[in-house]
Amino acid sequence: MEKKMPIATIQMIEGRSEEQKRRIIERVSQTLAEASESPLEAIRIIIQEVPATNWGKAGKMAKDLGR
């Protein structure tokens, strides 16, 4: 049976540094490779950055909460 390429999509509020994103990709890739018993080379990570003005918390826009 052919193994499929594991893909993880991570959504984050914008503002993380390139180094932070690099560490996230590295650690999530390692964990997903172990959990799926797939080679690290087969793992794909997609980071989707959400603009700080496009999210909310507790029924309110984040910018209205001072975020």
PDB file of N, CA and C in Angstrom:
ATOM      1  N   MET A   1       0.836  -1.182   0.000  1.00  0.00           N
ATOM      2  CA  MET A   1       0.000   0.000   0.000  1.00  0.00           C
ATOM      3  C   MET A   1       0.884   1.249   0.000  1.00  0.00           C
ATOM      4  N   GLU A   2       0.549   2.191  -0.844  1.00  0.00           N
ATOM      5  CA  GLU A   2       1.318   3.429  -0.975  1.00  0.00           C
ATOM      6  C   GLU A   2       1.012   4.370   0.182  1.00  0.00           C
ATOM      7  N   LYS A   3       2.059   4.920   0.794  1.00  0.00           N
ATOM      8  CA  LYS A   3       1.857   5.893   1.863  1.00  0.00           C
ATOM      9  C   LYS A   3       1.595   7.259   1.267  1.00  0.00           C
ATOM     10  N   LYS A   4       0.681   7.966   1.857  1.00  0.00           N
ATOM     11  CA  LYS A   4       0.366   9.321   1.421  1.00  0.00           C
ATOM     12  C   LYS A   4       1.275  10.309   2.130  1.00  0.00           C
ATOM     13  N   MET A   5       1.481  11.437   1.507  1.00  0.00           N
ATOM     14  CA  MET A   5       2.318  12.480   2.056  1.00  0.00           C
ATOM     15  C   MET A   5       1.525  13.240   3.123  1.00  0.00           C
ATOM     16  N   PRO A   6       1.938  13.191   4.404  1.00  0.00           N
ATOM     17  CA  PRO A   6       1.218  13.930   5.446  1.00  0.00           C
ATOM     18  C   PRO A   6       1.396  15.439   5.272  1.00  0.00           C
ATOM     19  N   ILE A   7       0.291  16.165   5.427  1.00  0.00           N
ATOM     20  CA  ILE A   7       0.310  17.625   5.330  1.00  0.00           C
ATOM     21  C   ILE A   7      -0.397  18.187   6.561  1.00  0.00           C
ATOM     22  N   ALA A   8       0.201  19.183   7.197  1.00  0.00           N
ATOM     23  CA  ALA A   8      -0.425  19.880   8.316  1.00  0.00           C
ATOM     24  C   ALA A   8      -0.539  21.351   7.956  1.00  0.00           C
ATOM     25  N   THR A   9      -1.711  21.919   8.210  1.00  0.00           N
ATOM     26  CA  THR A   9      -1.918  23.343   8.005  1.00  0.00           C
ATOM     27  C   THR A   9      -2.065  23.998   9.369  1.00  0.00           C
ATOM     28  N   ILE A  10      -1.292  25.042   9.590  1.00  0.00           N
ATOM     29  CA  ILE A  10      -1.298  25.751  10.857  1.00  0.00           C
ATOM     30  C   ILE A  10      -1.737  27.175  10.596  1.00  0.00           C
ATOM     31  N   GLN A  11      -2.763  27.616  11.305  1.00  0.00           N
ATOM     32  CA  GLN A  11      -3.217  28.996  11.176  1.00  0.00           C
ATOM     33  C   GLN A  11      -2.738  29.765  12.397  1.00  0.00           C
ATOM     34  N   MET A  12      -2.129  30.925  12.148  1.00  0.00           N
ATOM     35  CA  MET A  12      -1.612  31.767  13.221  1.00  0.00           C
ATOM     36  C   MET A  12      -1.919  33.220  12.915  1.00  0.00           C
ATOM     37  N   ILE A  13      -2.073  33.993  13.976  1.00  0.00           N
ATOM     38  CA  ILE A  13      -2.203  35.428  13.807  1.00  0.00           C
ATOM     39  C   ILE A  13      -0.847  35.947  13.334  1.00  0.00           C
ATOM     40  N   GLU A  14      -0.847  36.836  12.359  1.00  0.00           N
ATOM     41  CA  GLU A  14       0.404  37.357  11.813  1.00  0.00           C
ATOM     42  C   GLU A  14       1.244  38.009  12.894  1.00  0.00           C
ATOM     43  N   GLY A  15       2.544  38.066  12.625  1.00  0.00           N
ATOM     44  CA  GLY A  15       3.436  38.752  13.542  1.00  0.00           C
ATOM     45  C   GLY A  15       4.580  37.896  14.062  1.00  0.00           C
ATOM     46  N   ARG A  16       4.581  36.591  13.753  1.00  0.00           N
ATOM     47  CA  ARG A  16       5.687  35.740  14.193  1.00  0.00           C
ATOM     48  C   ARG A  16       6.917  36.014  13.323  1.00  0.00           C
ATOM     49  N   SER A  17       8.078  35.889  13.924  1.00  0.00           N
ATOM     50  CA  SER A  17       9.314  36.093  13.168  1.00  0.00           C
ATOM     51  C   SER A  17       9.574  34.877  12.280  1.00  0.00           C
ATOM     52  N   GLU A  18      10.460  35.063  11.324  1.00  0.00           N
ATOM     53  CA  GLU A  18      10.841  33.949  10.451  1.00  0.00           C
ATOM     54  C   GLU A  18      11.464  32.819  11.266  1.00  0.00           C
ATOM     55  N   GLU A  19      12.249  33.167  12.270  1.00  0.00           N
ATOM     56  CA  GLU A  19      12.872  32.144  13.125  1.00  0.00           C
ATOM     57  C   GLU A  19      11.820  31.354  13.902  1.00  0.00           C
ATOM     58  N   GLN A  20      10.798  32.018  14.418  1.00  0.00           N
ATOM     59  CA  GLN A  20       9.721  31.314  15.117  1.00  0.00           C
ATOM     60  C   GLN A  20       9.009  30.355  14.177  1.00  0.00           C
ATOM     61  N   LYS A  21       8.713  30.813  12.964  1.00  0.00           N
ATOM     62  CA  LYS A  21       8.050  29.937  11.986  1.00  0.00           C
ATOM     63  C   LYS A  21       8.945  28.761  11.617  1.00  0.00           C
ATOM     64  N   ARG A  22      10.229  28.991  11.522  1.00  0.00           N
ATOM     65  CA  ARG A  22      11.186  27.921  11.216  1.00  0.00           C
ATOM     66  C   ARG A  22      11.142  26.843  12.308  1.00  0.00           C
ATOM     67  N   ARG A  23      11.123  27.279  13.587  1.00  0.00           N
ATOM     68  CA  ARG A  23      11.066  26.322  14.701  1.00  0.00           C
ATOM     69  C   ARG A  23       9.741  25.559  14.713  1.00  0.00           C
ATOM     70  N   ILE A  24       8.656  26.254  14.432  1.00  0.00           N
ATOM     71  CA  ILE A  24       7.342  25.596  14.389  1.00  0.00           C
ATOM     72  C   ILE A  24       7.335  24.527  13.308  1.00  0.00           C
ATOM     73  N   ILE A  25       7.809  24.868  12.121  1.00  0.00           N
ATOM     74  CA  ILE A  25       7.845  23.903  11.018  1.00  0.00           C
ATOM     75  C   ILE A  25       8.708  22.703  11.389  1.00  0.00           C
ATOM     76  N   GLU A  26       9.855  22.956  11.989  1.00  0.00           N
ATOM     77  CA  GLU A  26      10.758  21.861  12.368  1.00  0.00           C
ATOM     78  C   GLU A  26      10.109  20.917  13.378  1.00  0.00           C
ATOM     79  N   ARG A  27       9.543  21.475  14.428  1.00  0.00           N
ATOM     80  CA  ARG A  27       8.984  20.641  15.500  1.00  0.00           C
ATOM     81  C   ARG A  27       7.702  19.926  15.091  1.00  0.00           C
ATOM     82  N   VAL A  28       6.835  20.609  14.365  1.00  0.00           N
ATOM     83  CA  VAL A  28       5.612  19.962  13.891  1.00  0.00           C
ATOM     84  C   VAL A  28       5.963  18.857  12.897  1.00  0.00           C
ATOM     85  N   SER A  29       6.926  19.099  12.041  1.00  0.00           N
ATOM     86  CA  SER A  29       7.355  18.082  11.070  1.00  0.00           C
ATOM     87  C   SER A  29       7.870  16.834  11.774  1.00  0.00           C
ATOM     88  N   GLN A  30       8.705  17.027  12.785  1.00  0.00           N
ATOM     89  CA  GLN A  30       9.247  15.883  13.515  1.00  0.00           C
ATOM     90  C   GLN A  30       8.139  15.081  14.191  1.00  0.00           C
ATOM     91  N   THR A  31       7.227  15.780  14.830  1.00  0.00           N
ATOM     92  CA  THR A  31       6.131  15.109  15.527  1.00  0.00           C
ATOM     93  C   THR A  31       5.219  14.371  14.553  1.00  0.00           C
ATOM     94  N   LEU A  32       4.876  15.003  13.446  1.00  0.00           N
ATOM     95  CA  LEU A  32       4.007  14.382  12.455  1.00  0.00           C
ATOM     96  C   LEU A  32       4.677  13.180  11.800  1.00  0.00           C
ATOM     97  N   ALA A  33       5.969  13.274  11.557  1.00  0.00           N
ATOM     98  CA  ALA A  33       6.696  12.134  10.984  1.00  0.00           C
ATOM     99  C   ALA A  33       6.654  10.940  11.927  1.00  0.00           C
ATOM    100  N   GLU A  34       6.891  11.180  13.210  1.00  0.00           N
ATOM    101  CA  GLU A  34       6.845  10.097  14.193  1.00  0.00           C
ATOM    102  C   GLU A  34       5.443   9.510  14.310  1.00  0.00           C
ATOM    103  N   ALA A  35       4.452  10.361  14.443  1.00  0.00           N
ATOM    104  CA  ALA A  35       3.076   9.901  14.650  1.00  0.00           C
ATOM    105  C   ALA A  35       2.521   9.158  13.438  1.00  0.00           C
ATOM    106  N   SER A  36       2.921   9.565  12.245  1.00  0.00           N
ATOM    107  CA  SER A  36       2.382   8.946  11.027  1.00  0.00           C
ATOM    108  C   SER A  36       3.295   7.851  10.473  1.00  0.00           C
ATOM    109  N   GLU A  37       4.434   7.658  11.151  1.00  0.00           N
ATOM    110  CA  GLU A  37       5.427   6.688  10.694  1.00  0.00           C
ATOM    111  C   GLU A  37       5.818   6.950   9.237  1.00  0.00           C
ATOM    112  N   SER A  38       6.042   8.221   8.950  1.00  0.00           N
ATOM    113  CA  SER A  38       6.441   8.657   7.612  1.00  0.00           C
ATOM    114  C   SER A  38       7.840   9.249   7.679  1.00  0.00           C
ATOM    115  N   PRO A  39       8.571   9.190   6.572  1.00  0.00           N
ATOM    116  CA  PRO A  39       9.887   9.838   6.582  1.00  0.00           C
ATOM    117  C   PRO A  39       9.727  11.358   6.677  1.00  0.00           C
ATOM    118  N   LEU A  40      10.637  11.992   7.362  1.00  0.00           N
ATOM    119  CA  LEU A  40      10.594  13.445   7.528  1.00  0.00           C
ATOM    120  C   LEU A  40      10.508  14.150   6.175  1.00  0.00           C
ATOM    121  N   GLU A  41      11.159  13.587   5.171  1.00  0.00           N
ATOM    122  CA  GLU A  41      11.170  14.194   3.836  1.00  0.00           C
ATOM    123  C   GLU A  41       9.786  14.224   3.190  1.00  0.00           C
ATOM    124  N   ALA A  42       8.861  13.412   3.676  1.00  0.00           N
ATOM    125  CA  ALA A  42       7.516  13.359   3.096  1.00  0.00           C
ATOM    126  C   ALA A  42       6.559  14.360   3.740  1.00  0.00           C
ATOM    127  N   ILE A  43       6.966  14.971   4.835  1.00  0.00           N
ATOM    128  CA  ILE A  43       6.083  15.855   5.591  1.00  0.00           C
ATOM    129  C   ILE A  43       6.031  17.237   4.948  1.00  0.00           C
ATOM    130  N   ARG A  44       4.829  17.796   4.874  1.00  0.00           N
ATOM    131  CA  ARG A  44       4.618  19.146   4.354  1.00  0.00           C
ATOM    132  C   ARG A  44       3.868  19.946   5.416  1.00  0.00           C
ATOM    133  N   ILE A  45       4.335  21.152   5.690  1.00  0.00           N
ATOM    134  CA  ILE A  45       3.700  22.046   6.654  1.00  0.00           C
ATOM    135  C   ILE A  45       3.332  23.335   5.931  1.00  0.00           C
ATOM    136  N   ILE A  46       2.103  23.773   6.117  1.00  0.00           N
ATOM    137  CA  ILE A  46       1.626  25.019   5.515  1.00  0.00           C
ATOM    138  C   ILE A  46       1.246  25.959   6.656  1.00  0.00           C
ATOM    139  N   ILE A  47       1.844  27.133   6.670  1.00  0.00           N
ATOM    140  CA  ILE A  47       1.469  28.147   7.660  1.00  0.00           C
ATOM    141  C   ILE A  47       0.609  29.182   6.969  1.00  0.00           C
ATOM    142  N   GLN A  48      -0.589  29.372   7.506  1.00  0.00           N
ATOM    143  CA  GLN A  48      -1.486  30.411   6.999  1.00  0.00           C
ATOM    144  C   GLN A  48      -1.527  31.516   8.053  1.00  0.00           C
ATOM    145  N   GLU A  49      -1.088  32.693   7.668  1.00  0.00           N
ATOM    146  CA  GLU A  49      -1.099  33.814   8.597  1.00  0.00           C
ATOM    147  C   GLU A  49      -2.386  34.614   8.420  1.00  0.00           C
ATOM    148  N   VAL A  50      -3.054  34.819   9.526  1.00  0.00           N
ATOM    149  CA  VAL A  50      -4.301  35.572   9.537  1.00  0.00           C
ATOM    150  C   VAL A  50      -3.975  37.004   9.932  1.00  0.00           C
ATOM    151  N   PRO A  51      -4.407  37.979   9.134  1.00  0.00           N
ATOM    152  CA  PRO A  51      -4.158  39.372   9.518  1.00  0.00           C
ATOM    153  C   PRO A  51      -4.738  39.655  10.910  1.00  0.00           C
ATOM    154  N   ALA A  52      -4.030  40.474  11.660  1.00  0.00           N
ATOM    155  CA  ALA A  52      -4.439  40.769  13.033  1.00  0.00           C
ATOM    156  C   ALA A  52      -5.841  41.377  13.108  1.00  0.00           C
ATOM    157  N   THR A  53      -6.304  41.964  12.016  1.00  0.00           N
ATOM    158  CA  THR A  53      -7.649  42.572  12.011  1.00  0.00           C
ATOM    159  C   THR A  53      -8.742  41.579  11.622  1.00  0.00           C
ATOM    160  N   ASN A  54      -8.376  40.338  11.295  1.00  0.00           N
ATOM    161  CA  ASN A  54      -9.359  39.369  10.789  1.00  0.00           C
ATOM    162  C   ASN A  54      -9.647  38.226  11.754  1.00  0.00           C
ATOM    163  N   TRP A  55      -9.709  38.503  13.026  1.00  0.00           N
ATOM    164  CA  TRP A  55     -10.067  37.455  13.969  1.00  0.00           C
ATOM    165  C   TRP A  55     -10.788  38.079  15.159  1.00  0.00           C
ATOM    166  N   GLY A  56     -11.417  37.238  15.928  1.00  0.00           N
ATOM    167  CA  GLY A  56     -12.159  37.721  17.078  1.00  0.00           C
ATOM    168  C   GLY A  56     -12.050  36.772  18.247  1.00  0.00           C
ATOM    169  N   LYS A  57     -12.521  37.232  19.390  1.00  0.00           N
ATOM    170  CA  LYS A  57     -12.492  36.443  20.614  1.00  0.00           C
ATOM    171  C   LYS A  57     -13.711  36.818  21.436  1.00  0.00           C
ATOM    172  N   ALA A  58     -14.376  35.829  21.967  1.00  0.00           N
ATOM    173  CA  ALA A  58     -15.532  36.042  22.839  1.00  0.00           C
ATOM    174  C   ALA A  58     -16.613  36.902  22.185  1.00  0.00           C
ATOM    175  N   GLY A  59     -16.795  36.705  20.881  1.00  0.00           N
ATOM    176  CA  GLY A  59     -17.856  37.397  20.167  1.00  0.00           C
ATOM    177  C   GLY A  59     -17.513  38.807  19.737  1.00  0.00           C
ATOM    178  N   LYS A  60     -16.264  39.223  19.896  1.00  0.00           N
ATOM    179  CA  LYS A  60     -15.885  40.577  19.532  1.00  0.00           C
ATOM    180  C   LYS A  60     -14.671  40.539  18.625  1.00  0.00           C
ATOM    181  N   MET A  61     -14.541  41.561  17.772  1.00  0.00           N
ATOM    182  CA  MET A  61     -13.353  41.664  16.940  1.00  0.00           C
ATOM    183  C   MET A  61     -12.148  41.926  17.822  1.00  0.00           C
ATOM    184  N   ALA A  62     -11.037  41.312  17.505  1.00  0.00           N
ATOM    185  CA  ALA A  62      -9.830  41.449  18.308  1.00  0.00           C
ATOM    186  C   ALA A  62      -9.397  42.902  18.425  1.00  0.00           C
ATOM    187  N   LYS A  63      -9.528  43.664  17.340  1.00  0.00           N
ATOM    188  CA  LYS A  63      -9.097  45.059  17.402  1.00  0.00           C
ATOM    189  C   LYS A  63      -9.951  45.854  18.389  1.00  0.00           C
ATOM    190  N   ASP A  64     -11.227  45.466  18.571  1.00  0.00           N
ATOM    191  CA  ASP A  64     -12.078  46.130  19.548  1.00  0.00           C
ATOM    192  C   ASP A  64     -11.685  45.764  20.980  1.00  0.00           C
ATOM    193  N   LEU A  65     -10.942  44.681  21.120  1.00  0.00           N
ATOM    194  CA  LEU A  65     -10.451  44.255  22.435  1.00  0.00           C
ATOM    195  C   LEU A  65      -9.034  44.770  22.703  1.00  0.00           C
ATOM    196  N   GLY A  66      -8.541  45.599  21.789  1.00  0.00           N
ATOM    197  CA  GLY A  66      -7.205  46.168  21.956  1.00  0.00           C
ATOM    198  C   GLY A  66      -6.082  45.241  21.528  1.00  0.00           C
ATOM    199  N   ARG A  67      -6.387  44.270  20.695  1.00  0.00           N
ATOM    200  CA  ARG A  67      -5.364  43.316  20.242  1.00  0.00           C
ATOM    201  C   ARG A  67      -4.820  43.711  18.901  1.00  0.00           C
TER     202      ARG A  67
END
